[in-house]
């Protein structure tokens, strides 16, 4: 007749099987932990590269903004010069109007003198 294993033997076998399963779970946990560390490092490197690229973009935008501001200042200066020239032309037209009014007045006087 076959001998039946004792309760203690069965528990020892069951405990050994549980230890093996716990070891497998622990190894899986360790592998996942290492993988998460690698992913964290990769993510950190990607973020560093993105921050660097954003820094370059920011520098480019600042330079562009500065250039646009300078161009607008030059355009404003040019408009001021044009305004000054228009003011000068207005003054010359006013002078010409006064001279023409003087000539008109003399012509009228002259015509009146010659009619009489």
Protein backbone atom coordinates (compact mmCIF):
# COMPACT_ATOMS: atom_id res chain seq x y z
CA UNK A 1 0.00 0.00 0.00
CA UNK A 2 1.11 3.53 -0.79
CA UNK A 3 1.90 5.65 2.07
CA UNK A 4 -0.11 8.86 2.44
CA UNK A 5 1.94 12.01 2.96
CA UNK A 6 1.52 13.56 6.34
CA UNK A 7 -0.24 16.82 6.89
CA UNK A 8 3.07 18.44 7.69
CA UNK A 9 4.63 17.24 4.43
CA UNK A 10 1.71 18.53 2.44
CA UNK A 11 2.00 21.94 4.15
CA UNK A 12 5.74 22.03 3.47
CA UNK A 13 5.16 21.28 -0.22
CA UNK A 14 2.42 23.92 -0.35
CA UNK A 15 4.68 26.46 1.38
CA UNK A 16 7.52 25.71 -1.04
CA UNK A 17 5.17 26.23 -3.99
CA UNK A 18 4.01 29.54 -2.48
CA UNK A 19 7.64 30.61 -1.96
CA UNK A 20 8.35 29.85 -5.62
CA UNK A 21 5.34 31.91 -6.70
CA UNK A 22 6.32 34.77 -4.38
CA UNK A 23 9.87 34.65 -5.80
CA UNK A 24 8.47 34.85 -9.36
CA UNK A 25 6.27 37.82 -8.36
CA UNK A 26 9.24 39.53 -6.67
CA UNK A 27 11.43 39.00 -9.75
CA UNK A 28 8.65 40.42 -11.94
CA UNK A 29 8.33 43.37 -9.58
CA UNK A 30 12.08 43.95 -9.75
CA UNK A 31 12.02 43.81 -13.56
CA UNK A 32 9.10 46.25 -13.68
CA UNK A 33 10.90 48.55 -11.26
CA UNK A 34 14.01 48.54 -13.48
CA UNK A 35 11.88 49.17 -16.57
CA UNK A 36 10.13 52.08 -14.86
CA UNK A 37 13.55 53.51 -13.95
CA UNK A 38 14.68 53.27 -17.60
CA UNK A 39 11.44 54.85 -18.81
CA UNK A 40 11.85 57.62 -16.24
CA UNK A 41 15.37 58.30 -17.47
CA UNK A 42 14.24 58.28 -21.10
CA UNK A 43 11.38 60.62 -20.27
CA UNK A 44 13.76 62.91 -18.38
CA UNK A 45 16.11 63.00 -21.39
CA UNK A 46 13.23 63.78 -23.73
CA UNK A 47 12.04 66.55 -21.45
CA UNK A 48 15.57 67.97 -21.33
CA UNK A 49 15.71 67.99 -25.16
CA UNK A 50 12.27 69.60 -25.34
CA UNK A 51 13.29 72.27 -22.84
CA UNK A 52 16.40 72.95 -24.90
CA UNK A 53 14.39 73.22 -28.11
CA UNK A 54 11.86 75.48 -26.40
CA UNK A 55 14.76 77.62 -25.24
CA UNK A 56 15.93 77.97 -28.84
CA UNK A 57 12.40 78.82 -29.97
CA UNK A 58 12.07 81.38 -27.18
CA UNK A 59 15.40 82.98 -28.16
CA UNK A 60 14.27 83.11 -31.78
CA UNK A 61 10.97 84.71 -30.83
CA UNK A 62 12.71 87.28 -28.66
CA UNK A 63 15.10 88.13 -31.48
CA UNK A 64 12.22 88.34 -33.95
CA UNK A 65 10.22 90.51 -31.56
CA UNK A 66 13.18 92.82 -31.11
CA UNK A 67 13.66 93.07 -34.87
CA UNK A 68 9.97 93.81 -35.44
CA UNK A 69 10.05 96.47 -32.72
CA UNK A 70 13.10 98.10 -34.35
CA UNK A 71 11.43 98.06 -37.75
CA UNK A 72 8.31 99.68 -36.35
CA UNK A 73 10.45 102.35 -34.73
CA UNK A 74 12.13 103.05 -38.08
CA UNK A 75 8.74 103.19 -39.79
CA UNK A 76 7.49 105.59 -37.10
CA UNK A 77 10.54 107.79 -37.63
CA UNK A 78 9.95 107.75 -41.36
CA UNK A 79 6.32 108.78 -40.86
CA UNK A 80 7.47 111.62 -38.61
CA UNK A 81 9.80 112.80 -41.37
CA UNK A 82 6.96 112.61 -43.89
CA UNK A 83 4.69 114.56 -41.51
CA UNK A 84 7.36 117.25 -41.20
CA UNK A 85 7.65 117.47 -44.97
CA UNK A 86 3.87 117.80 -45.29
CA UNK A 87 3.93 120.55 -42.67
CA UNK A 88 6.62 122.34 -44.69
CA UNK A 89 4.58 121.94 -47.87
CA UNK A 90 1.49 123.30 -46.08
CA UNK A 91 3.49 126.35 -45.00
CA UNK A 92 4.71 126.90 -48.56
CA UNK A 93 1.16 126.59 -49.90
CA UNK A 94 -0.01 129.11 -47.31
CA UNK A 95 2.75 131.48 -48.44
CA UNK A 96 1.78 130.96 -52.07
CA UNK A 97 -1.90 131.60 -51.23
CA UNK A 98 -0.92 134.87 -49.54
CA UNK A 99 1.18 135.91 -52.53
CA UNK A 100 -1.62 135.02 -54.94
CA UNK A 101 -4.11 136.99 -52.87
CA UNK A 102 -1.71 139.94 -53.03
CA UNK A 103 -1.40 139.57 -56.79
CA UNK A 104 -5.20 139.26 -57.14
CA UNK A 105 -5.67 142.41 -55.07
CA UNK A 106 -3.13 144.36 -57.18
CA UNK A 107 -4.75 143.14 -60.40
CA UNK A 108 -8.14 144.28 -59.18
CA UNK A 109 -6.75 147.68 -58.22
CA UNK A 110 -4.93 147.89 -61.50
CA UNK A 111 -8.09 147.04 -63.48
CA UNK A 112 -10.10 149.57 -61.50
CA UNK A 113 -7.53 152.27 -62.24
CA UNK A 114 -7.54 151.54 -65.95
CA UNK A 115 -11.29 151.45 -66.20
CA UNK A 116 -11.65 154.95 -64.90
